[in-house]
Protein backbone atom coordinates (compact mmCIF):
# COMPACT_ATOMS: atom_id res chain seq x y z
CA MET A 1 -216.50 -107.97 14.62
CA LEU A 2 -215.66 -108.72 10.99
CA ARG A 3 -213.67 -106.00 9.22
CA TRP A 4 -212.50 -105.32 5.71
CA THR A 5 -208.85 -104.60 6.43
CA VAL A 6 -207.04 -104.58 3.06
CA HIS A 7 -207.97 -103.47 -0.45
CA LEU A 8 -205.26 -103.77 -3.12
CA ARG A 9 -205.37 -103.19 -6.86
CA GLY A 10 -202.98 -104.21 -9.61
CA GLY A 11 -203.22 -107.98 -9.24
CA PRO A 12 -204.12 -110.48 -11.98
CA ASP A 13 -207.44 -109.66 -13.62
CA ARG A 14 -209.72 -112.68 -13.90
CA ALA A 15 -213.18 -114.12 -13.36
CA GLU A 16 -214.52 -117.67 -13.10
CA HIS A 17 -211.10 -118.84 -11.96
CA ALA A 18 -210.27 -121.53 -9.38
CA THR A 19 -208.29 -121.19 -6.16
CA VAL A 20 -206.84 -123.20 -3.28
CA ALA A 21 -205.28 -121.99 -0.03
CA VAL A 22 -201.99 -123.55 1.12
CA GLY A 23 -200.62 -122.29 4.41
CA SER A 24 -200.31 -118.51 4.06
CA LYS A 25 -200.60 -118.53 0.24
CA VAL A 26 -203.48 -118.56 -2.23
CA TYR A 27 -202.97 -120.25 -5.62
CA ALA A 28 -205.15 -119.03 -8.50
CA PHE A 29 -205.56 -121.10 -11.66
CA GLY A 30 -206.76 -119.76 -15.02
CA GLY A 31 -210.03 -117.93 -15.51
CA HIS A 32 -211.41 -115.30 -17.84
CA THR A 33 -208.95 -112.43 -18.29
CA VAL A 34 -209.18 -109.00 -19.88
CA ALA A 35 -206.99 -110.17 -22.79
CA GLY A 36 -209.16 -113.22 -23.32
CA MET A 37 -212.35 -111.16 -23.22
CA ALA A 38 -210.87 -108.71 -25.71
CA TYR A 39 -210.14 -111.64 -28.03
CA MET A 40 -213.71 -112.86 -27.62
CA HIS A 41 -215.08 -109.46 -28.57
CA ASN A 42 -212.87 -109.11 -31.67
CA THR A 43 -210.78 -106.20 -30.46
CA GLY A 44 -207.61 -107.48 -32.10
CA GLN A 45 -206.04 -108.70 -28.85
CA SER A 46 -203.50 -111.46 -29.55
CA VAL A 47 -204.18 -114.66 -27.62
CA THR A 48 -202.86 -118.14 -28.40
CA PRO A 49 -205.65 -120.70 -27.93
CA THR A 50 -203.21 -123.37 -26.73
CA ASP A 51 -201.55 -121.22 -24.09
CA ALA A 52 -201.22 -123.00 -20.77
CA VAL A 53 -203.44 -122.09 -17.86
CA ASN A 54 -201.67 -119.43 -15.82
CA VAL A 55 -200.91 -119.85 -12.13
CA SER A 56 -200.57 -116.87 -9.79
CA VAL A 57 -199.81 -116.91 -6.08
CA PHE A 58 -200.88 -114.36 -3.46
CA ASN A 59 -198.79 -114.25 -0.29
CA THR A 60 -200.95 -113.15 2.64
CA VAL A 61 -197.81 -112.34 4.66
CA SER A 62 -196.20 -109.91 2.20
CA LEU A 63 -199.53 -108.99 0.55
CA ARG A 64 -198.01 -109.46 -2.89
CA TRP A 65 -198.85 -111.38 -6.07
CA MET A 66 -196.38 -113.57 -7.92
CA LYS A 67 -196.95 -115.19 -11.30
CA LEU A 68 -195.27 -118.57 -11.58
CA PRO A 69 -192.98 -118.92 -14.63
CA LEU A 70 -194.64 -122.06 -15.91
CA PRO A 71 -194.64 -123.22 -19.59
CA LEU A 72 -196.26 -120.81 -22.04
CA SER A 73 -197.83 -123.65 -24.06
CA SER A 74 -199.87 -126.66 -23.08
CA SER A 75 -198.55 -128.72 -25.99
CA ALA A 76 -196.43 -131.85 -25.60
CA SER A 77 -193.30 -129.77 -26.09
CA CYS A 78 -193.80 -128.46 -22.58
CA VAL A 79 -192.76 -131.81 -21.10
CA ALA A 80 -189.30 -131.34 -19.66
CA GLU A 81 -188.35 -134.99 -19.52
CA GLU A 82 -189.78 -138.40 -20.25
CA GLY A 83 -191.23 -139.99 -17.15
CA GLY A 84 -191.93 -136.68 -15.44
CA GLY A 85 -193.16 -136.16 -11.92
CA GLU A 86 -195.31 -138.66 -10.12
CA LEU A 87 -198.16 -138.11 -7.69
CA PRO A 88 -196.97 -138.30 -4.08
CA PRO A 89 -198.81 -140.77 -1.82
CA PRO A 90 -201.72 -139.07 -0.03
CA PRO A 91 -201.00 -138.42 3.65
CA ASP A 92 -202.93 -139.93 6.51
CA ALA A 93 -205.81 -137.88 7.83
CA SER A 94 -203.86 -137.20 11.02
CA ALA A 95 -200.96 -135.82 9.00
CA SER A 96 -203.00 -133.59 6.68
CA ALA A 97 -201.73 -130.07 6.50
CA ALA A 98 -204.12 -127.60 8.09
CA PRO A 99 -204.30 -123.86 7.53
CA PRO A 100 -202.99 -121.68 10.33
CA THR A 101 -205.44 -120.94 13.12
CA ALA A 102 -204.37 -117.35 13.47
CA THR A 103 -203.30 -114.53 11.20
CA PRO A 104 -199.67 -115.22 10.22
CA PRO A 105 -197.14 -112.58 11.26
CA ILE A 106 -196.05 -110.02 8.70
CA ALA A 107 -192.47 -110.56 7.55
CA VAL A 108 -190.11 -107.61 7.51
CA ALA A 109 -188.19 -108.67 4.41
CA PRO A 110 -189.93 -108.74 1.00
CA PRO A 111 -190.74 -112.20 -0.41
CA PRO A 112 -188.14 -114.03 -2.49
CA VAL A 113 -188.53 -114.02 -6.27
CA ALA A 114 -189.78 -117.31 -7.68
CA THR A 115 -187.40 -119.37 -9.74
CA ALA A 116 -188.39 -121.22 -12.88
CA VAL A 117 -189.22 -124.89 -12.39
CA ALA A 118 -189.29 -127.33 -15.30
CA ALA A 119 -192.67 -128.91 -15.92
CA ALA A 120 -192.90 -132.62 -15.24
CA ALA A 121 -196.11 -132.95 -17.25
CA PRO A 122 -197.92 -130.90 -19.89
CA ALA A 123 -199.69 -127.95 -18.34
CA PRO A 124 -203.46 -127.85 -18.93
CA SER A 125 -204.82 -125.49 -21.59
CA ARG A 126 -206.24 -122.10 -20.67
CA ARG A 127 -209.83 -122.33 -19.45
CA TRP A 128 -212.53 -120.83 -17.28
CA GLY A 129 -215.41 -122.22 -15.24
CA HIS A 130 -213.20 -125.02 -13.91
CA THR A 131 -212.66 -126.09 -10.29
CA ALA A 132 -209.63 -126.78 -8.10
CA ILE A 133 -209.46 -128.54 -4.72
CA LEU A 134 -206.54 -129.34 -2.42
CA ILE A 135 -205.75 -132.80 -1.04
CA GLY A 136 -202.41 -133.65 0.54
CA GLY A 137 -200.34 -130.88 -1.00
CA VAL A 138 -201.73 -131.46 -4.51
CA ALA A 139 -204.23 -129.16 -6.23
CA TYR A 140 -206.56 -131.17 -8.48
CA LEU A 141 -207.95 -129.16 -11.38
CA TRP A 142 -210.92 -130.49 -13.33
CA GLY A 143 -213.30 -129.35 -16.06
CA GLY A 144 -213.63 -125.93 -17.64
CA TYR A 145 -214.20 -124.42 -21.06
CA ASN A 146 -211.79 -123.00 -23.66
CA TYR A 147 -213.54 -120.27 -25.61
CA TYR A 148 -210.92 -120.20 -28.34
CA THR A 149 -211.06 -123.92 -29.20
CA LYS A 150 -214.72 -124.35 -28.10
CA GLU A 151 -213.68 -127.33 -25.98
CA TYR A 152 -215.16 -128.55 -22.72
CA TYR A 153 -212.71 -130.55 -20.61
CA ASP A 154 -213.01 -133.78 -18.62
CA ALA A 155 -209.32 -134.53 -18.02
CA LEU A 156 -207.90 -134.41 -14.51
CA HIS A 157 -204.78 -132.33 -13.81
CA ALA A 158 -202.68 -132.22 -10.66
CA PHE A 159 -200.38 -129.43 -9.49
CA ASP A 160 -197.74 -129.93 -6.80
CA VAL A 161 -197.94 -126.76 -4.71
CA ASP A 162 -194.55 -127.37 -3.08
CA ALA A 163 -192.52 -128.15 -6.23
CA HIS A 164 -194.58 -125.77 -8.44
CA ARG A 165 -195.00 -128.29 -11.25
CA TRP A 166 -197.75 -130.19 -13.00
CA LEU A 167 -197.83 -133.94 -12.31
CA ARG A 168 -198.69 -136.82 -14.62
CA VAL A 169 -202.02 -138.36 -13.64
CA GLN A 170 -204.01 -139.31 -16.73
CA PRO A 171 -202.49 -142.77 -17.38
CA LYS A 172 -203.08 -143.63 -13.74
CA VAL A 173 -206.77 -142.67 -13.47
CA SER A 174 -209.26 -145.52 -13.79
CA GLY A 175 -213.04 -145.46 -14.04
CA ALA A 176 -215.27 -143.26 -16.18
CA ALA A 177 -214.63 -139.55 -15.69
CA PRO A 178 -217.65 -137.24 -15.45
CA GLU A 179 -218.87 -135.82 -18.74
CA ALA A 180 -216.94 -132.71 -19.81
CA ARG A 181 -218.45 -129.47 -18.49
CA HIS A 182 -217.81 -126.10 -16.88
CA GLN A 183 -219.47 -123.95 -14.21
CA HIS A 184 -219.88 -127.01 -12.00
CA SER A 185 -219.18 -127.44 -8.29
CA ALA A 186 -216.43 -129.46 -6.62
CA ALA A 187 -215.63 -130.20 -3.00
CA ALA A 188 -212.85 -132.02 -1.16
CA LEU A 189 -213.25 -134.48 1.69
CA ALA A 190 -209.53 -134.13 2.35
CA ASP A 191 -209.31 -136.60 5.24
CA ARG A 192 -210.73 -139.30 2.94
CA GLY A 193 -208.71 -138.26 -0.10
CA VAL A 194 -211.93 -137.74 -2.06
CA MET A 195 -213.08 -135.10 -4.53
CA LEU A 196 -216.78 -134.74 -5.40
CA VAL A 197 -218.03 -133.14 -8.63
CA TYR A 198 -221.62 -132.33 -9.59
CA GLY A 199 -223.76 -129.86 -11.52
CA GLY A 200 -222.53 -127.57 -14.27
CA ARG A 201 -223.24 -127.61 -17.99
CA ASN A 202 -221.79 -128.08 -21.44
CA ARG A 203 -223.14 -127.24 -24.88
CA LEU A 204 -225.89 -129.88 -24.80
CA THR A 205 -226.54 -130.81 -21.18
CA ALA A 206 -227.26 -129.13 -17.88
CA PHE A 207 -226.29 -131.49 -15.08
CA GLY A 208 -228.35 -131.88 -11.92
CA LEU A 209 -227.42 -132.95 -8.41
CA GLY A 210 -228.68 -136.50 -8.73
CA GLU A 211 -225.42 -137.77 -10.18
CA VAL A 212 -222.33 -137.05 -8.13
CA ALA A 213 -218.91 -138.04 -9.45
CA ARG A 214 -216.41 -139.28 -6.87
CA LEU A 215 -212.64 -139.30 -7.36
CA ASP A 216 -210.63 -141.39 -4.91
CA THR A 217 -207.18 -139.79 -5.07
CA ARG A 218 -205.61 -142.70 -3.16
CA ALA A 219 -206.70 -145.26 -5.73
CA MET A 220 -206.87 -142.64 -8.54
CA ALA A 221 -210.26 -143.96 -9.58
CA TRP A 222 -213.51 -142.29 -10.65
CA SER A 223 -216.90 -143.68 -9.61
CA ARG A 224 -220.51 -142.51 -9.84
CA ILE A 225 -222.90 -141.93 -6.96
CA ASP A 226 -226.64 -142.01 -7.56
CA ALA A 227 -227.51 -139.53 -4.85
CA ARG A 228 -230.85 -139.83 -3.12
CA GLY A 229 -233.10 -136.86 -2.45
CA ALA A 230 -231.79 -134.71 -5.30
CA PRO A 231 -234.09 -132.14 -6.92
CA PRO A 232 -235.15 -132.71 -10.56
CA ALA A 233 -232.46 -132.18 -13.20
CA PRO A 234 -232.57 -128.76 -14.90
CA PRO A 235 -233.70 -128.41 -18.53
CA PRO A 236 -231.10 -128.45 -21.33
CA PRO A 237 -229.17 -125.21 -21.81
CA ILE A 238 -230.41 -122.62 -24.28
CA ALA A 239 -227.99 -121.27 -26.87
CA GLY A 240 -226.41 -118.09 -25.58
CA SER A 241 -227.66 -118.62 -22.04
CA SER A 242 -225.48 -118.44 -18.96
CA HIS A 243 -225.39 -120.37 -15.74
CA HIS A 244 -223.06 -119.88 -12.84
CA PRO A 245 -222.56 -122.56 -10.20
CA SER A 246 -223.80 -122.57 -6.69
CA ALA A 247 -221.16 -122.30 -3.99
CA ALA A 248 -220.07 -125.52 -2.26
CA CYS A 249 -218.28 -125.77 1.10
CA VAL A 250 -217.49 -128.71 3.36
CA VAL A 251 -218.58 -128.95 7.00
CA GLY A 252 -217.59 -132.30 8.49
CA THR A 253 -218.87 -135.01 6.15
CA ARG A 254 -221.42 -132.74 4.48
CA VAL A 255 -221.05 -130.52 1.44
CA LEU A 256 -223.16 -127.38 1.85
CA GLU A 257 -224.54 -125.99 -1.40
CA PHE A 258 -226.15 -122.55 -1.67
CA GLY A 259 -228.01 -120.89 -4.53
CA GLY A 260 -227.23 -121.27 -8.22
CA GLY A 261 -229.40 -121.41 -11.31
CA GLY A 262 -230.02 -118.94 -14.10
CA PRO A 263 -232.76 -117.19 -16.07
CA ALA A 264 -232.81 -119.93 -18.72
CA ARG A 265 -233.05 -122.72 -16.16
CA GLY A 266 -236.16 -121.97 -14.20
CA GLY A 267 -234.84 -119.10 -12.11
CA TYR A 268 -232.39 -118.63 -9.27
CA SER A 269 -232.24 -120.34 -5.91
CA ASN A 270 -231.50 -119.25 -2.36
CA ALA A 271 -231.90 -122.71 -0.84
CA VAL A 272 -229.19 -124.47 1.15
CA ARG A 273 -228.73 -128.12 0.30
CA ALA A 274 -226.34 -130.54 1.94
CA PHE A 275 -224.84 -133.67 0.40
CA ASP A 276 -224.14 -136.20 3.13
CA ALA A 277 -221.09 -138.24 2.13
CA ASP A 278 -221.96 -141.01 4.58
CA SER A 279 -225.51 -141.65 3.31
CA ASN A 280 -224.95 -140.42 -0.28
CA SER A 281 -228.08 -138.31 -0.06
CA TRP A 282 -229.10 -134.69 -0.45
CA LEU A 283 -230.80 -132.83 2.38
CA THR A 284 -232.42 -129.41 2.10
CA LEU A 285 -231.70 -126.93 4.86
CA GLY A 286 -233.02 -123.44 5.29
CA GLY A 287 -235.93 -123.41 2.85
CA GLY A 288 -235.80 -120.77 0.15
CA VAL A 289 -236.58 -120.77 -3.57
CA GLY A 290 -235.89 -124.19 -4.99
CA GLY A 291 -235.85 -125.83 -1.57
CA VAL A 292 -238.06 -127.10 1.20
CA GLY A 293 -237.81 -127.09 4.96
CA SER A 294 -237.85 -124.40 7.60
CA HIS A 295 -235.38 -121.69 8.49
CA ARG A 296 -234.96 -118.84 10.95
CA GLY A 297 -234.09 -115.26 10.13
CA PRO A 298 -234.49 -113.40 6.83
CA LEU A 299 -233.35 -115.17 3.66
CA PRO A 300 -230.74 -113.75 1.30
CA GLU A 301 -231.99 -113.02 -2.19
CA ALA A 302 -231.76 -115.85 -4.71
CA ARG A 303 -228.59 -115.63 -6.80
CA GLU A 304 -225.81 -117.26 -8.79
CA GLY A 305 -222.11 -116.57 -9.28
CA HIS A 306 -221.51 -115.86 -5.59
CA SER A 307 -218.64 -116.95 -3.36
CA ALA A 308 -218.82 -118.85 -0.10
CA PHE A 309 -216.58 -120.03 2.71
CA VAL A 310 -216.86 -121.87 6.03
CA HIS A 311 -215.66 -120.52 9.37
CA ASP A 312 -216.33 -122.05 12.78
CA GLY A 313 -218.89 -124.42 11.28
CA ALA A 314 -220.98 -121.66 9.68
CA LEU A 315 -221.45 -120.95 5.96
CA TYR A 316 -220.78 -117.40 4.74
CA VAL A 317 -222.01 -116.14 1.35
CA PHE A 318 -220.79 -113.08 -0.50
CA GLY A 319 -221.89 -111.34 -3.71
CA GLY A 320 -223.36 -112.90 -6.82
CA ARG A 321 -226.13 -111.70 -9.11
CA ASP A 322 -229.56 -112.40 -10.52
CA ALA A 323 -231.06 -111.32 -13.85
CA THR A 324 -231.26 -107.63 -12.92
CA GLN A 325 -228.71 -106.81 -10.22
CA GLU A 326 -225.41 -107.70 -8.56
CA PHE A 327 -224.88 -108.15 -4.83
CA HIS A 328 -222.07 -107.30 -2.45
CA ASP A 329 -223.74 -108.37 0.78
CA VAL A 330 -222.46 -110.92 3.31
CA TRP A 331 -224.70 -113.56 4.88
CA ARG A 332 -224.06 -116.15 7.60
CA PHE A 333 -225.88 -119.49 7.78
CA ASP A 334 -225.71 -121.74 10.84
CA PRO A 335 -226.51 -125.28 9.63
CA LYS A 336 -227.28 -126.53 13.14
CA GLY A 337 -230.30 -124.27 13.59
CA ALA A 338 -230.93 -123.33 9.93
CA TRP A 339 -230.41 -119.74 11.02
CA TRP A 340 -229.73 -116.99 8.44
CA LYS A 341 -228.27 -113.65 9.47
CA ALA A 342 -227.13 -110.66 7.40
CA VAL A 343 -223.58 -109.64 8.33
CA ALA A 344 -222.23 -106.12 7.89
CA PRO A 345 -218.42 -106.12 8.17
CA ARG A 346 -216.93 -102.78 9.09
CA GLY A 347 -214.63 -101.02 6.64
CA GLY A 348 -212.56 -97.89 6.65
CA GLY A 349 -209.22 -99.67 6.84
CA ALA A 350 -206.21 -99.94 4.60
CA GLY A 351 -206.43 -99.77 0.87
CA LEU A 352 -206.57 -97.79 -2.31
CA GLY A 353 -209.55 -95.81 -3.47
CA ALA A 354 -212.29 -94.01 -1.62
CA GLY A 355 -213.10 -95.39 1.78
CA GLY A 356 -209.90 -97.36 2.29
CA GLY A 357 -210.58 -100.97 3.30
CA GLN A 358 -214.11 -101.05 1.98
CA GLY A 359 -215.62 -104.33 0.86
CA PRO A 360 -215.70 -105.38 -2.79
CA ALA A 361 -218.09 -103.65 -5.17
CA TRP A 362 -221.08 -105.49 -6.60
CA ARG A 363 -219.82 -108.40 -8.67
CA PRO A 364 -220.27 -112.09 -9.51
CA SER A 365 -217.77 -114.88 -10.25
CA MET A 366 -215.02 -113.93 -7.83
CA CYS A 367 -213.16 -116.41 -5.62
CA CYS A 368 -212.48 -116.50 -1.92
CA CYS A 369 -210.14 -118.55 0.26
CA VAL A 370 -209.86 -118.80 4.05
CA VAL A 371 -206.33 -118.34 5.40
CA GLY A 372 -206.34 -118.60 9.16
CA ASP A 373 -208.70 -115.91 10.47
CA ARG A 374 -208.74 -113.99 7.20
CA VAL A 375 -210.67 -114.41 3.96
CA VAL A 376 -209.02 -113.39 0.69
CA LEU A 377 -211.49 -112.35 -2.05
CA PHE A 378 -210.41 -111.30 -5.53
CA GLY A 379 -211.36 -111.07 -9.19
CA GLY A 380 -214.82 -111.45 -10.68
CA TYR A 381 -216.77 -109.64 -13.37
CA LYS A 382 -217.31 -105.91 -13.07
CA GLY A 383 -221.07 -105.86 -12.84
CA HIS A 384 -223.05 -107.42 -15.69
CA SER A 385 -220.25 -106.69 -18.13
CA ALA A 386 -218.99 -109.88 -19.75
CA ASN A 387 -215.78 -108.27 -21.00
CA MET A 388 -214.34 -106.70 -17.86
CA ALA A 389 -212.58 -108.66 -15.13
CA ALA A 390 -211.55 -107.07 -11.84
CA ASP A 391 -207.92 -106.94 -10.70
CA ASP A 392 -208.46 -105.96 -7.09
CA LEU A 393 -208.17 -108.00 -3.90
CA HIS A 394 -209.87 -107.64 -0.54
CA ILE A 395 -209.16 -109.19 2.84
CA LEU A 396 -211.95 -109.77 5.33
CA ASP A 397 -210.51 -110.23 8.81
CA LEU A 398 -212.74 -112.48 10.87
CA SER A 399 -210.99 -111.67 14.15
CA PRO A 400 -208.76 -108.60 13.75
CA SER A 401 -205.98 -108.24 16.30
CA LEU A 402 -205.27 -105.05 18.24
CA LYS A 403 -202.20 -104.55 16.06
CA THR A 404 -204.27 -104.78 12.88
CA LEU A 405 -206.85 -102.33 14.24
CA SER A 406 -204.07 -99.93 15.22
CA LYS A 407 -202.50 -100.04 11.75
CA MET A 408 -205.92 -99.42 10.20
CA ALA A 409 -206.32 -96.35 12.43
CA VAL A 410 -202.89 -95.01 11.37
CA ILE A 411 -203.80 -95.33 7.69
CA ARG A 412 -207.38 -94.10 8.00
CA HIS A 413 -206.43 -90.93 9.90
CA GLY A 414 -203.17 -90.27 8.02
CA LEU A 415 -201.08 -90.35 11.21
CA LYS A 416 -197.33 -89.81 11.05
CA GLN A 417 -195.25 -92.99 10.85
CA GLN A 418 -191.74 -91.67 11.45
CA GLY A 419 -191.52 -92.93 15.01
CA LEU A 420 -192.83 -96.42 14.28
CA PRO A 421 -190.53 -99.45 14.08
CA HIS A 422 -189.23 -100.30 10.60
CA ASN A 423 -191.16 -103.55 10.37
CA VAL A 424 -194.46 -101.79 11.20
CA ARG A 425 -193.81 -99.13 8.56
CA TRP A 426 -193.08 -101.87 6.03
CA GLU A 427 -196.36 -103.57 6.93
CA LEU A 428 -198.26 -100.31 6.52
CA ALA A 429 -196.68 -99.79 3.10
CA ALA A 430 -197.60 -103.34 2.04
CA MET A 431 -201.21 -102.75 3.08
CA THR A 432 -201.57 -99.62 0.94
CA THR A 433 -199.46 -100.30 -2.16
CA ALA A 434 -200.74 -101.88 -5.35
CA GLY A 435 -200.06 -105.62 -5.41
């Protein structure tokens, strides 16, 4: 039984950010923040347009956030030394680091404080609507939009998650990069060292699924794929309109794509499409608006701005919105039988606010990462408001242990903790204290 086990407030506020999971940690890059939104809405908030994208790390063991002390500017002056860091060689598929298969144990001691690390390359500028994927210990960040400079980005950036530094990649990348854009989708075929990019929009163009950009991180080369079976390209964007990406997840050699769209682009979708990396073709699974084919079970409502993850070969979808409402439901899709099922995780666990470990409120544009048997969800817009980003974090436990259930019961019923071991009391405090 799925359970919401942790709800913490006080973390970094952001929406339309990008995340990767590395071991027991979640790295969050950039995104729309409260300060940035205040600047957009002329409230007098001071923001430097050339500030570097911020990087925050959530430790799922200590349940605490840490902001990395990276350069405050993305200008050339951020470079610590000529020559800088170099990209490490991608590992073999057999040596690829895999996330833990079980919930990592809670440490008794608090996490160490991060130390400053000199940047080996200029940090990318602040942005939102970008993507990040992980291949071989390197997070590749691509695309995005800077509201302050009105720039869309097409440069590739690489972040070493072990050394906590940006790496030089641009002189090494060959081939034509995809056209600059934001609100696109990206997926990693990590065992092949490949990143795929498709969809999204910029000021003049809305990109369809027919053209998929492929980055080979072993050769550091871009190439284009003319994908077969793609739906028609969407119409050009309308000034002032919004579009949030569909959610893309990898199952084997297929990239599963759910939903997406927008009111200015012919409506929203609740179809599941799959890009097959072996045949370079799109397949439609599960029917729905904007799709064909059959499915079993009730369909989730069409939406955009949702989050998705894969567990045990199934696709899970959370949240999102359409033109009139936000969602905070959870759906499970089995690609083998095209079977949809609404999932209702139980709550009432640890956390702040009414109800304890309740699931997130209605919202779009949050991020989620799978860490072992837990899913970390955080950020997003507070409802339809375009100037409020959430700072809370939720953990959905896909297979809660007896120990986790017992701690939830202690917190929910306000039981005395004096007789419990020190490490258990520390864990209970971490589960109920602002992050």
